[in-house]
Amino acid sequence: PAQPWLPGYSPESSGPTIYQDLARAGILGFLRPRTTITGQGS
């Protein structure tokens, strides 16, 4: 859901950046950045 009170909100979009559990169904795949990524998002 949109949060229009936050800085940078645009009526062309909905919600801001959030941690969210999304269903895997429908994915084409992953694009894995070519770099060393640390931190596991735990």
Full PDB file with SEQRES, HELIX, SHEET, SSBOND, CRYST1, ORIGX, SCALE, CONECT and MASTER records, all heavy atoms in Angstrom:
SEQRES   1 A   42  PRO ALA GLN PRO TRP LEU PRO GLY TYR SER PRO GLU SER          
SEQRES   2 A   42  SER GLY PRO THR ILE TYR GLN ASP LEU ALA ARG ALA GLY          
SEQRES   3 A   42  ILE LEU GLY PHE LEU ARG PRO ARG THR THR ILE THR GLY          
SEQRES   4 A   42  GLN GLY SER                                                  
CRYST1    1.000    1.000    1.000  90.00  90.00  90.00 P 1           1          
ORIGX1      1.000000  0.000000  0.000000        0.00000                         
ORIGX2      0.000000  1.000000  0.000000        0.00000                         
ORIGX3      0.000000  0.000000  1.000000        0.00000                         
SCALE1      1.000000  0.000000  0.000000        0.00000                         
SCALE2      0.000000  1.000000  0.000000        0.00000                         
SCALE3      0.000000  0.000000  1.000000        0.00000                         
ATOM      1  N   PRO A   1       0.813  -1.221   0.000  1.00  0.00           N  
ATOM      2  CA  PRO A   1       0.000   0.000   0.000  1.00  0.00           C  
ATOM      3  C   PRO A   1       0.846   1.270   0.000  1.00  0.00           C  
ATOM      4  O   PRO A   1       1.918   1.325   0.611  1.00  0.00           O  
ATOM      5  CB  PRO A   1      -0.819  -0.125   1.289  1.00  0.00           C  
ATOM      6  CG  PRO A   1      -0.918  -1.591   1.517  1.00  0.00           C  
ATOM      7  CD  PRO A   1       0.402  -2.144   1.076  1.00  0.00           C  
ATOM      8  N   ALA A   2       0.352   2.282  -0.695  1.00  0.00           N  
ATOM      9  CA  ALA A   2       1.063   3.560  -0.793  1.00  0.00           C  
ATOM     10  C   ALA A   2       1.170   4.230   0.568  1.00  0.00           C  
ATOM     11  O   ALA A   2       0.296   4.080   1.429  1.00  0.00           O  
ATOM     12  CB  ALA A   2       0.350   4.477  -1.780  1.00  0.00           C  
ATOM     13  N   GLN A   3       2.232   4.994   0.753  1.00  0.00           N  
ATOM     14  CA  GLN A   3       2.431   5.794   1.959  1.00  0.00           C  
ATOM     15  C   GLN A   3       2.751   7.225   1.518  1.00  0.00           C  
ATOM     16  O   GLN A   3       3.906   7.657   1.550  1.00  0.00           O  
ATOM     17  CB  GLN A   3       3.546   5.208   2.826  1.00  0.00           C  
ATOM     18  CG  GLN A   3       3.252   3.794   3.310  1.00  0.00           C  
ATOM     19  CD  GLN A   3       4.281   3.257   4.275  1.00  0.00           C  
ATOM     20  OE1 GLN A   3       4.837   3.997   5.097  1.00  0.00           O  
ATOM     21  NE2 GLN A   3       4.564   1.971   4.191  1.00  0.00           N  
ATOM     22  N   PRO A   4       1.724   7.943   1.062  1.00  0.00           N  
ATOM     23  CA  PRO A   4       1.933   9.256   0.444  1.00  0.00           C  
ATOM     24  C   PRO A   4       2.530  10.309   1.367  1.00  0.00           C  
ATOM     25  O   PRO A   4       2.949  11.372   0.886  1.00  0.00           O  
ATOM     26  CB  PRO A   4       0.524   9.648  -0.028  1.00  0.00           C  
ATOM     27  CG  PRO A   4      -0.404   8.831   0.802  1.00  0.00           C  
ATOM     28  CD  PRO A   4       0.303   7.552   1.062  1.00  0.00           C  
ATOM     29  N   TRP A   5       2.574  10.043   2.656  1.00  0.00           N  
ATOM     30  CA  TRP A   5       3.158  11.005   3.588  1.00  0.00           C  
ATOM     31  C   TRP A   5       4.683  10.933   3.615  1.00  0.00           C  
ATOM     32  O   TRP A   5       5.340  11.809   4.183  1.00  0.00           O  
ATOM     33  CB  TRP A   5       2.607  10.766   4.989  1.00  0.00           C  
ATOM     34  CG  TRP A   5       2.799   9.357   5.477  1.00  0.00           C  
ATOM     35  CD1 TRP A   5       3.871   8.839   6.135  1.00  0.00           C  
ATOM     36  CD2 TRP A   5       1.877   8.280   5.301  1.00  0.00           C  
ATOM     37  NE1 TRP A   5       3.698   7.505   6.390  1.00  0.00           N  
ATOM     38  CE2 TRP A   5       2.474   7.132   5.900  1.00  0.00           C  
ATOM     39  CE3 TRP A   5       0.610   8.156   4.721  1.00  0.00           C  
ATOM     40  CZ2 TRP A   5       1.849   5.881   5.914  1.00  0.00           C  
ATOM     41  CZ3 TRP A   5      -0.001   6.909   4.741  1.00  0.00           C  
ATOM     42  CH2 TRP A   5       0.598   5.799   5.329  1.00  0.00           C  
ATOM     43  N   LEU A   6       5.251   9.908   3.007  1.00  0.00           N  
ATOM     44  CA  LEU A   6       6.707   9.767   3.013  1.00  0.00           C  
ATOM     45  C   LEU A   6       7.342  10.635   1.930  1.00  0.00           C  
ATOM     46  O   LEU A   6       6.769  10.824   0.849  1.00  0.00           O  
ATOM     47  CB  LEU A   6       7.104   8.310   2.773  1.00  0.00           C  
ATOM     48  CG  LEU A   6       6.808   7.314   3.890  1.00  0.00           C  
ATOM     49  CD1 LEU A   6       7.278   5.914   3.481  1.00  0.00           C  
ATOM     50  CD2 LEU A   6       7.481   7.729   5.191  1.00  0.00           C  
ATOM     51  N   PRO A   7       8.542  11.155   2.196  1.00  0.00           N  
ATOM     52  CA  PRO A   7       9.254  11.951   1.184  1.00  0.00           C  
ATOM     53  C   PRO A   7       9.490  11.139  -0.089  1.00  0.00           C  
ATOM     54  O   PRO A   7       9.799   9.955  -0.033  1.00  0.00           O  
ATOM     55  CB  PRO A   7      10.589  12.271   1.870  1.00  0.00           C  
ATOM     56  CG  PRO A   7      10.310  12.175   3.335  1.00  0.00           C  
ATOM     57  CD  PRO A   7       9.285  11.073   3.474  1.00  0.00           C  
ATOM     58  N   GLY A   8       9.317  11.799  -1.223  1.00  0.00           N  
ATOM     59  CA  GLY A   8       9.593  11.161  -2.501  1.00  0.00           C  
ATOM     60  C   GLY A   8       8.442  10.368  -3.077  1.00  0.00           C  
ATOM     61  O   GLY A   8       8.558   9.807  -4.171  1.00  0.00           O  
ATOM     62  N   TYR A   9       7.298  10.318  -2.365  1.00  0.00           N  
ATOM     63  CA  TYR A   9       6.161   9.545  -2.886  1.00  0.00           C  
ATOM     64  C   TYR A   9       5.697  10.095  -4.233  1.00  0.00           C  
ATOM     65  O   TYR A   9       5.658  11.300  -4.453  1.00  0.00           O  
ATOM     66  CB  TYR A   9       4.999   9.600  -1.892  1.00  0.00           C  
ATOM     67  CG  TYR A   9       3.689   9.128  -2.487  1.00  0.00           C  
ATOM     68  CD1 TYR A   9       3.452   7.781  -2.721  1.00  0.00           C  
ATOM     69  CD2 TYR A   9       2.695  10.047  -2.852  1.00  0.00           C  
ATOM     70  CE1 TYR A   9       2.263   7.347  -3.292  1.00  0.00           C  
ATOM     71  CE2 TYR A   9       1.507   9.624  -3.412  1.00  0.00           C  
ATOM     72  CZ  TYR A   9       1.296   8.271  -3.632  1.00  0.00           C  
ATOM     73  OH  TYR A   9       0.119   7.854  -4.191  1.00  0.00           O  
ATOM     74  N   SER A  10       5.339   9.185  -5.126  1.00  0.00           N  
ATOM     75  CA  SER A  10       4.778   9.559  -6.424  1.00  0.00           C  
ATOM     76  C   SER A  10       3.449   8.846  -6.603  1.00  0.00           C  
ATOM     77  O   SER A  10       3.346   7.639  -6.327  1.00  0.00           O  
ATOM     78  CB  SER A  10       5.720   9.153  -7.560  1.00  0.00           C  
ATOM     79  OG  SER A  10       5.047   9.225  -8.810  1.00  0.00           O  
ATOM     80  N   PRO A  11       2.419   9.531  -7.078  1.00  0.00           N  
ATOM     81  CA  PRO A  11       1.123   8.872  -7.318  1.00  0.00           C  
ATOM     82  C   PRO A  11       1.185   7.821  -8.416  1.00  0.00           C  
ATOM     83  O   PRO A  11       0.239   7.069  -8.605  1.00  0.00           O  
ATOM     84  CB  PRO A  11       0.194  10.038  -7.708  1.00  0.00           C  
ATOM     85  CG  PRO A  11       1.114  11.119  -8.171  1.00  0.00           C  
ATOM     86  CD  PRO A  11       2.364  10.981  -7.362  1.00  0.00           C  
ATOM     87  N   GLU A  12       2.299   7.752  -9.130  1.00  0.00           N  
ATOM     88  CA  GLU A  12       2.448   6.735 -10.167  1.00  0.00           C  
ATOM     89  C   GLU A  12       2.865   5.382  -9.592  1.00  0.00           C  
ATOM     90  O   GLU A  12       2.915   4.388 -10.318  1.00  0.00           O  
ATOM     91  CB  GLU A  12       3.489   7.180 -11.196  1.00  0.00           C  
ATOM     92  CG  GLU A  12       3.095   8.394 -11.999  1.00  0.00           C  
ATOM     93  CD  GLU A  12       4.139   8.770 -13.020  1.00  0.00           C  
ATOM     94  OE1 GLU A  12       4.084   8.242 -14.153  1.00  0.00           O  
ATOM     95  OE2 GLU A  12       5.030   9.571 -12.708  1.00  0.00           O  
ATOM     96  N   SER A  13       3.167   5.340  -8.308  1.00  0.00           N  
ATOM     97  CA  SER A  13       3.614   4.092  -7.689  1.00  0.00           C  
ATOM     98  C   SER A  13       2.842   3.847  -6.400  1.00  0.00           C  
ATOM     99  O   SER A  13       2.026   4.666  -5.986  1.00  0.00           O  
ATOM    100  CB  SER A  13       5.124   4.142  -7.426  1.00  0.00           C  
ATOM    101  OG  SER A  13       5.505   5.376  -6.871  1.00  0.00           O  
ATOM    102  N   SER A  14       3.111   2.706  -5.773  1.00  0.00           N  
ATOM    103  CA  SER A  14       2.390   2.383  -4.537  1.00  0.00           C  
ATOM    104  C   SER A  14       3.342   2.485  -3.347  1.00  0.00           C  
ATOM    105  O   SER A  14       3.769   3.566  -2.984  1.00  0.00           O  
ATOM    106  CB  SER A  14       1.745   0.999  -4.647  1.00  0.00           C  
ATOM    107  OG  SER A  14       2.714  -0.006  -4.917  1.00  0.00           O  
ATOM    108  N   GLY A  15       3.675   1.348  -2.731  1.00  0.00           N  
ATOM    109  CA  GLY A  15       4.418   1.390  -1.487  1.00  0.00           C  
ATOM    110  C   GLY A  15       5.909   1.618  -1.626  1.00  0.00           C  
ATOM    111  O   GLY A  15       6.513   1.381  -2.678  1.00  0.00           O  
ATOM    112  N   PRO A  16       6.556   2.050  -0.529  1.00  0.00           N  
ATOM    113  CA  PRO A  16       7.995   2.274  -0.513  1.00  0.00           C  
ATOM    114  C   PRO A  16       8.758   0.957  -0.389  1.00  0.00           C  
ATOM    115  O   PRO A  16       8.164  -0.130  -0.409  1.00  0.00           O  
ATOM    116  CB  PRO A  16       8.187   3.137   0.736  1.00  0.00           C  
ATOM    117  CG  PRO A  16       7.130   2.632   1.674  1.00  0.00           C  
ATOM    118  CD  PRO A  16       5.939   2.331   0.788  1.00  0.00           C  
ATOM    119  N   THR A  17      10.042   1.042  -0.233  1.00  0.00           N  
ATOM    120  CA  THR A  17      10.879  -0.136  -0.054  1.00  0.00           C  
ATOM    121  C   THR A  17      10.595  -0.771   1.305  1.00  0.00           C  
ATOM    122  O   THR A  17      10.651  -0.090   2.332  1.00  0.00           O  
ATOM    123  CB  THR A  17      12.364   0.243  -0.129  1.00  0.00           C  
ATOM    124  OG1 THR A  17      12.611   0.870  -1.390  1.00  0.00           O  
ATOM    125  CG2 THR A  17      13.246  -0.984   0.018  1.00  0.00           C  
ATOM    126  N   ILE A  18      10.269  -2.065   1.304  1.00  0.00           N  
ATOM    127  CA  ILE A  18       9.981  -2.774   2.542  1.00  0.00           C  
ATOM    128  C   ILE A  18      10.566  -4.177   2.477  1.00  0.00           C  
ATOM    129  O   ILE A  18      10.843  -4.696   1.400  1.00  0.00           O  
ATOM    130  CB  ILE A  18       8.458  -2.892   2.812  1.00  0.00           C  
ATOM    131  CG1 ILE A  18       7.781  -3.641   1.656  1.00  0.00           C  
ATOM    132  CG2 ILE A  18       7.831  -1.545   3.059  1.00  0.00           C  
ATOM    133  CD1 ILE A  18       6.327  -3.994   1.915  1.00  0.00           C  
ATOM    134  N   TYR A  19      10.758  -4.791   3.635  1.00  0.00           N  
ATOM    135  CA  TYR A  19      11.038  -6.215   3.693  1.00  0.00           C  
ATOM    136  C   TYR A  19       9.710  -6.922   3.486  1.00  0.00           C  
ATOM    137  O   TYR A  19       8.720  -6.622   4.161  1.00  0.00           O  
ATOM    138  CB  TYR A  19      11.615  -6.598   5.051  1.00  0.00           C  
ATOM    139  CG  TYR A  19      12.951  -5.998   5.356  1.00  0.00           C  
ATOM    140  CD1 TYR A  19      13.136  -5.196   6.471  1.00  0.00           C  
ATOM    141  CD2 TYR A  19      14.052  -6.254   4.539  1.00  0.00           C  
ATOM    142  CE1 TYR A  19      14.378  -4.647   6.772  1.00  0.00           C  
ATOM    143  CE2 TYR A  19      15.296  -5.716   4.829  1.00  0.00           C  
ATOM    144  CZ  TYR A  19      15.450  -4.910   5.945  1.00  0.00           C  
ATOM    145  OH  TYR A  19      16.680  -4.385   6.238  1.00  0.00           O  
ATOM    146  N   GLN A  20       9.655  -7.863   2.577  1.00  0.00           N  
ATOM    147  CA  GLN A  20       8.377  -8.481   2.224  1.00  0.00           C  
ATOM    148  C   GLN A  20       8.584  -9.929   1.808  1.00  0.00           C  
ATOM    149  O   GLN A  20       9.554 -10.249   1.115  1.00  0.00           O  
ATOM    150  CB  GLN A  20       7.738  -7.685   1.075  1.00  0.00           C  
ATOM    151  CG  GLN A  20       6.261  -7.957   0.874  1.00  0.00           C  
ATOM    152  CD  GLN A  20       5.652  -6.973  -0.121  1.00  0.00           C  
ATOM    153  OE1 GLN A  20       6.353  -6.401  -0.957  1.00  0.00           O  
ATOM    154  NE2 GLN A  20       4.359  -6.775  -0.036  1.00  0.00           N  
ATOM    155  N   ASP A  21       7.692 -10.797   2.245  1.00  0.00           N  
ATOM    156  CA  ASP A  21       7.705 -12.191   1.821  1.00  0.00           C  
ATOM    157  C   ASP A  21       6.862 -12.316   0.565  1.00  0.00           C  
ATOM    158  O   ASP A  21       5.659 -12.054   0.590  1.00  0.00           O  
ATOM    159  CB  ASP A  21       7.133 -13.089   2.922  1.00  0.00           C  
ATOM    160  CG  ASP A  21       8.115 -13.313   4.058  1.00  0.00           C  
ATOM    161  OD1 ASP A  21       9.299 -12.979   3.911  1.00  0.00           O  
ATOM    162  OD2 ASP A  21       7.696 -13.822   5.104  1.00  0.00           O  
ATOM    163  N   LEU A  22       7.474 -12.716  -0.545  1.00  0.00           N  
ATOM    164  CA  LEU A  22       6.792 -12.802  -1.826  1.00  0.00           C  
ATOM    165  C   LEU A  22       6.774 -14.243  -2.318  1.00  0.00           C  
ATOM    166  O   LEU A  22       7.733 -14.994  -2.113  1.00  0.00           O  
ATOM    167  CB  LEU A  22       7.498 -11.912  -2.860  1.00  0.00           C  
ATOM    168  CG  LEU A  22       7.636 -10.430  -2.471  1.00  0.00           C  
ATOM    169  CD1 LEU A  22       8.426  -9.683  -3.531  1.00  0.00           C  
ATOM    170  CD2 LEU A  22       6.275  -9.789  -2.254  1.00  0.00           C  
ATOM    171  N   ALA A  23       5.678 -14.621  -2.959  1.00  0.00           N  
ATOM    172  CA  ALA A  23       5.554 -15.976  -3.478  1.00  0.00           C  
ATOM    173  C   ALA A  23       6.523 -16.190  -4.638  1.00  0.00           C  
ATOM    174  O   ALA A  23       6.683 -15.339  -5.510  1.00  0.00           O  
ATOM    175  CB  ALA A  23       4.126 -16.241  -3.930  1.00  0.00           C  
ATOM    176  N   ARG A  24       7.149 -17.356  -4.648  1.00  0.00           N  
ATOM    177  CA  ARG A  24       8.094 -17.690  -5.715  1.00  0.00           C  
ATOM    178  C   ARG A  24       7.388 -17.895  -7.055  1.00  0.00           C  
ATOM    179  O   ARG A  24       7.994 -17.690  -8.116  1.00  0.00           O  
ATOM    180  CB  ARG A  24       8.838 -18.969  -5.328  1.00  0.00           C  
ATOM    181  CG  ARG A  24      10.012 -19.322  -6.246  1.00  0.00           C  
ATOM    182  CD  ARG A  24      10.576 -20.694  -5.961  1.00  0.00           C  
ATOM    183  NE  ARG A  24      11.920 -20.841  -6.463  1.00  0.00           N  
ATOM    184  CZ  ARG A  24      13.017 -20.669  -5.750  1.00  0.00           C  
ATOM    185  NH1 ARG A  24      12.920 -20.361  -4.457  1.00  0.00           N  
ATOM    186  NH2 ARG A  24      14.207 -20.816  -6.298  1.00  0.00           N  
ATOM    187  N   ALA A  25       6.149 -18.317  -7.010  1.00  0.00           N  
ATOM    188  CA  ALA A  25       5.412 -18.641  -8.229  1.00  0.00           C  
ATOM    189  C   ALA A  25       5.499 -17.502  -9.241  1.00  0.00           C  
ATOM    190  O   ALA A  25       5.282 -16.340  -8.915  1.00  0.00           O  
ATOM    191  CB  ALA A  25       3.954 -18.932  -7.896  1.00  0.00           C  
ATOM    192  N   GLY A  26       5.835 -17.856 -10.466  1.00  0.00           N  
ATOM    193  CA  GLY A  26       5.858 -16.878 -11.548  1.00  0.00           C  
ATOM    194  C   GLY A  26       7.217 -16.259 -11.823  1.00  0.00           C  
ATOM    195  O   GLY A  26       7.331 -15.417 -12.725  1.00  0.00           O  
ATOM    196  N   ILE A  27       8.260 -16.664 -11.089  1.00  0.00           N  
ATOM    197  CA  ILE A  27       9.552 -16.038 -11.362  1.00  0.00           C  
ATOM    198  C   ILE A  27      10.186 -16.638 -12.612  1.00  0.00           C  
ATOM    199  O   ILE A  27      10.032 -17.818 -12.907  1.00  0.00           O  
ATOM    200  CB  ILE A  27      10.531 -16.131 -10.167  1.00  0.00           C  
ATOM    201  CG1 ILE A  27      11.035 -17.565  -9.957  1.00  0.00           C  
ATOM    202  CG2 ILE A  27       9.920 -15.561  -8.916  1.00  0.00           C  
ATOM    203  CD1 ILE A  27      12.219 -17.631  -9.004  1.00  0.00           C  
ATOM    204  N   LEU A  28      10.882 -15.772 -13.332  1.00  0.00           N  
ATOM    205  CA  LEU A  28      11.673 -16.216 -14.483  1.00  0.00           C  
ATOM    206  C   LEU A  28      13.031 -16.711 -14.014  1.00  0.00           C  
ATOM    207  O   LEU A  28      13.592 -17.662 -14.564  1.00  0.00           O  
ATOM    208  CB  LEU A  28      11.851 -15.066 -15.467  1.00  0.00           C  
ATOM    209  CG  LEU A  28      10.580 -14.601 -16.187  1.00  0.00           C  
ATOM    210  CD1 LEU A  28      10.830 -13.272 -16.884  1.00  0.00           C  
ATOM    211  CD2 LEU A  28      10.115 -15.658 -17.177  1.00  0.00           C  
ATOM    212  N   GLY A  29      13.574 -16.050 -13.014  1.00  0.00           N  
ATOM    213  CA  GLY A  29      14.876 -16.425 -12.501  1.00  0.00           C  
ATOM    214  C   GLY A  29      15.490 -15.304 -11.696  1.00  0.00           C  
ATOM    215  O   GLY A  29      14.820 -14.337 -11.317  1.00  0.00           O  
ATOM    216  N   PHE A  30      16.800 -15.441 -11.448  1.00  0.00           N  
ATOM    217  CA  PHE A  30      17.552 -14.474 -10.667  1.00  0.00           C  
ATOM    218  C   PHE A  30      18.678 -13.898 -11.525  1.00  0.00           C  
ATOM    219  O   PHE A  30      19.304 -14.611 -12.304  1.00  0.00           O  
ATOM    220  CB  PHE A  30      18.186 -15.139  -9.440  1.00  0.00           C  
ATOM    221  CG  PHE A  30      17.219 -15.916  -8.586  1.00  0.00           C  
ATOM    222  CD1 PHE A  30      17.116 -17.295  -8.730  1.00  0.00           C  
ATOM    223  CD2 PHE A  30      16.432 -15.280  -7.637  1.00  0.00           C  
ATOM    224  CE1 PHE A  30      16.250 -18.033  -7.932  1.00  0.00           C  
ATOM    225  CE2 PHE A  30      15.555 -16.009  -6.839  1.00  0.00           C  
ATOM    226  CZ  PHE A  30      15.455 -17.384  -6.980  1.00  0.00           C  
ATOM    227  N   LEU A  31      18.934 -12.623 -11.349  1.00  0.00           N  
ATOM    228  CA  LEU A  31      20.105 -11.995 -11.935  1.00  0.00           C  
ATOM    229  C   LEU A  31      21.087 -11.772 -10.788  1.00  0.00           C  
ATOM    230  O   LEU A  31      20.820 -10.965  -9.897  1.00  0.00           O  
ATOM    231  CB  LEU A  31      19.746 -10.682 -12.636  1.00  0.00           C  
ATOM    232  CG  LEU A  31      18.771 -10.811 -13.809  1.00  0.00           C  
ATOM    233  CD1 LEU A  31      18.482  -9.443 -14.416  1.00  0.00           C  
ATOM    234  CD2 LEU A  31      19.302 -11.780 -14.874  1.00  0.00           C  
ATOM    235  N   ARG A  32      22.176 -12.515 -10.805  1.00  0.00           N  
ATOM    236  CA  ARG A  32      23.128 -12.493  -9.688  1.00  0.00           C  
ATOM    237  C   ARG A  32      24.242 -11.483  -9.976  1.00  0.00           C  
ATOM    238  O   ARG A  32      25.040 -11.652 -10.911  1.00  0.00           O  
ATOM    239  CB  ARG A  32      23.717 -13.877  -9.474  1.00  0.00           C  
ATOM    240  CG  ARG A  32      24.661 -14.023  -8.282  1.00  0.00           C  
ATOM    241  CD  ARG A  32      24.822 -15.480  -7.927  1.00  0.00           C  
ATOM    242  NE  ARG A  32      23.531 -16.061  -7.533  1.00  0.00           N  
ATOM    243  CZ  ARG A  32      23.276 -17.380  -7.524  1.00  0.00           C  
ATOM    244  NH1 ARG A  32      24.212 -18.244  -7.902  1.00  0.00           N  
ATOM    245  NH2 ARG A  32      22.093 -17.819  -7.144  1.00  0.00           N  
ATOM    246  N   PRO A  33      24.319 -10.416  -9.178  1.00  0.00           N  
ATOM    247  CA  PRO A  33      25.367  -9.412  -9.416  1.00  0.00           C  
ATOM    248  C   PRO A  33      26.766 -10.022  -9.336  1.00  0.00           C  
ATOM    249  O   PRO A  33      27.046 -10.863  -8.481  1.00  0.00           O  
ATOM    250  CB  PRO A  33      25.148  -8.407  -8.276  1.00  0.00           C  
ATOM    251  CG  PRO A  33      23.684  -8.545  -7.937  1.00  0.00           C  
ATOM    252  CD  PRO A  33      23.405 -10.014  -8.093  1.00  0.00           C  
ATOM    253  N   ARG A  34      27.640  -9.584 -10.246  1.00  0.00           N  
ATOM    254  CA  ARG A  34      29.015 -10.074 -10.266  1.00  0.00           C  
ATOM    255  C   ARG A  34      29.848  -9.252  -9.278  1.00  0.00           C  
ATOM    256  O   ARG A  34      30.505  -8.271  -9.640  1.00  0.00           O  
ATOM    257  CB  ARG A  34      29.590  -9.971 -11.678  1.00  0.00           C  
ATOM    258  CG  ARG A  34      28.941 -10.927 -12.681  1.00  0.00           C  
ATOM    259  CD  ARG A  34      29.574 -10.762 -14.063  1.00  0.00           C  
ATOM    260  NE  ARG A  34      28.980 -11.662 -15.041  1.00  0.00           N  
ATOM    261  CZ  ARG A  34      29.400 -12.895 -15.289  1.00  0.00           C  
ATOM    262  NH1 ARG A  34      30.430 -13.385 -14.605  1.00  0.00           N  
ATOM    263  NH2 ARG A  34      28.809 -13.634 -16.210  1.00  0.00           N  
ATOM    264  N   THR A  35      29.773  -9.645  -8.026  1.00  0.00           N  
ATOM    265  CA  THR A  35      30.551  -9.018  -6.970  1.00  0.00           C  
ATOM    266  C   THR A  35      30.483  -9.929  -5.758  1.00  0.00           C  
ATOM    267  O   THR A  35      29.686 -10.879  -5.725  1.00  0.00           O  
ATOM    268  CB  THR A  35      30.016  -7.619  -6.615  1.00  0.00           C  
ATOM    269  OG1 THR A  35      30.933  -6.960  -5.740  1.00  0.00           O  
ATOM    270  CG2 THR A  35      28.660  -7.706  -5.932  1.00  0.00           C  
ATOM    271  N   THR A  36      31.287  -9.651  -4.763  1.00  0.00           N  
ATOM    272  CA  THR A  36      31.219 -10.403  -3.509  1.00  0.00           C  
ATOM    273  C   THR A  36      30.207  -9.729  -2.603  1.00  0.00           C  
ATOM    274  O   THR A  36      30.353  -8.539  -2.272  1.00  0.00           O  
ATOM    275  CB  THR A  36      32.594 -10.451  -2.821  1.00  0.00           C  
ATOM    276  OG1 THR A  36      33.522 -11.092  -3.691  1.00  0.00           O  
ATOM    277  CG2 THR A  36      32.501 -11.217  -1.507  1.00  0.00           C  
ATOM    278  N   ILE A  37      29.163 -10.472  -2.233  1.00  0.00           N  
ATOM    279  CA  ILE A  37      28.100  -9.926  -1.390  1.00  0.00           C  
ATOM    280  C   ILE A  37      28.213 -10.537  -0.005  1.00  0.00           C  
ATOM    281  O   ILE A  37      28.166 -11.755   0.158  1.00  0.00           O  
ATOM    282  CB  ILE A  37      26.711 -10.217  -1.997  1.00  0.00           C  
ATOM    283  CG1 ILE A  37      26.580  -9.527  -3.359  1.00  0.00           C  
ATOM    284  CG2 ILE A  37      25.601  -9.756  -1.050  1.00  0.00           C  
ATOM    285  CD1 ILE A  37      25.325  -9.896  -4.123  1.00  0.00           C  
ATOM    286  N   THR A  38      28.376  -9.689   0.984  1.00  0.00           N  
ATOM    287  CA  THR A  38      28.412 -10.145   2.370  1.00  0.00           C  
ATOM    288  C   THR A  38      27.104  -9.770   3.048  1.00  0.00           C  
ATOM    289  O   THR A  38      26.293  -9.024   2.508  1.00  0.00           O  
ATOM    290  CB  THR A  38      29.595  -9.521   3.127  1.00  0.00           C  
ATOM    291  OG1 THR A  38      29.440  -8.097   3.130  1.00  0.00           O  
ATOM    292  CG2 THR A  38      30.902  -9.884   2.465  1.00  0.00           C  
ATOM    293  N   GLY A  39      26.900 -10.301   4.266  1.00  0.00           N  
ATOM    294  CA  GLY A  39      25.628 -10.040   4.943  1.00  0.00           C  
ATOM    295  C   GLY A  39      24.567 -10.937   4.344  1.00  0.00           C  
ATOM    296  O   GLY A  39      24.436 -11.036   3.130  1.00  0.00           O  
ATOM    297  N   GLN A  40      23.812 -11.596   5.161  1.00  0.00           N  
ATOM    298  CA  GLN A  40      22.850 -12.578   4.661  1.00  0.00           C  
ATOM    299  C   GLN A  40      21.402 -12.140   4.825  1.00  0.00           C  
ATOM    300  O   GLN A  40      20.494 -12.930   4.667  1.00  0.00           O  
ATOM    301  CB  GLN A  40      23.061 -13.918   5.373  1.00  0.00           C  
ATOM    302  CG  GLN A  40      24.437 -14.514   5.117  1.00  0.00           C  
ATOM    303  CD  GLN A  40      24.682 -14.755   3.633  1.00  0.00           C  
ATOM    304  OE1 GLN A  40      23.932 -15.458   2.968  1.00  0.00           O  
ATOM    305  NE2 GLN A  40      25.729 -14.149   3.098  1.00  0.00           N  
ATOM    306  N   GLY A  41      21.191 -10.899   5.175  1.00  0.00           N  
ATOM    307  CA  GLY A  41      19.812 -10.438   5.312  1.00  0.00           C  
ATOM    308  C   GLY A  41      19.107 -11.073   6.484  1.00  0.00           C  
ATOM    309  O   GLY A  41      17.893 -11.182   6.504  1.00  0.00           O  
ATOM    310  N   SER A  42      19.861 -11.523   7.477  1.00  0.00           N  
ATOM    311  CA  SER A  42      19.241 -12.184   8.621  1.00  0.00           C  
ATOM    312  C   SER A  42      18.707 -11.162   9.610  1.00  0.00           C  
ATOM    313  O   SER A  42      19.132 -10.014   9.644  1.00  0.00           O  
ATOM    314  CB  SER A  42      20.260 -13.090   9.317  1.00  0.00           C  
ATOM    315  OG  SER A  42      21.351 -12.319   9.761  1.00  0.00           O  
TER     316      SER A  42                                                      
MASTER        0    0    0    0    0    0    0    6  315    1    0    4          
END                                                                             
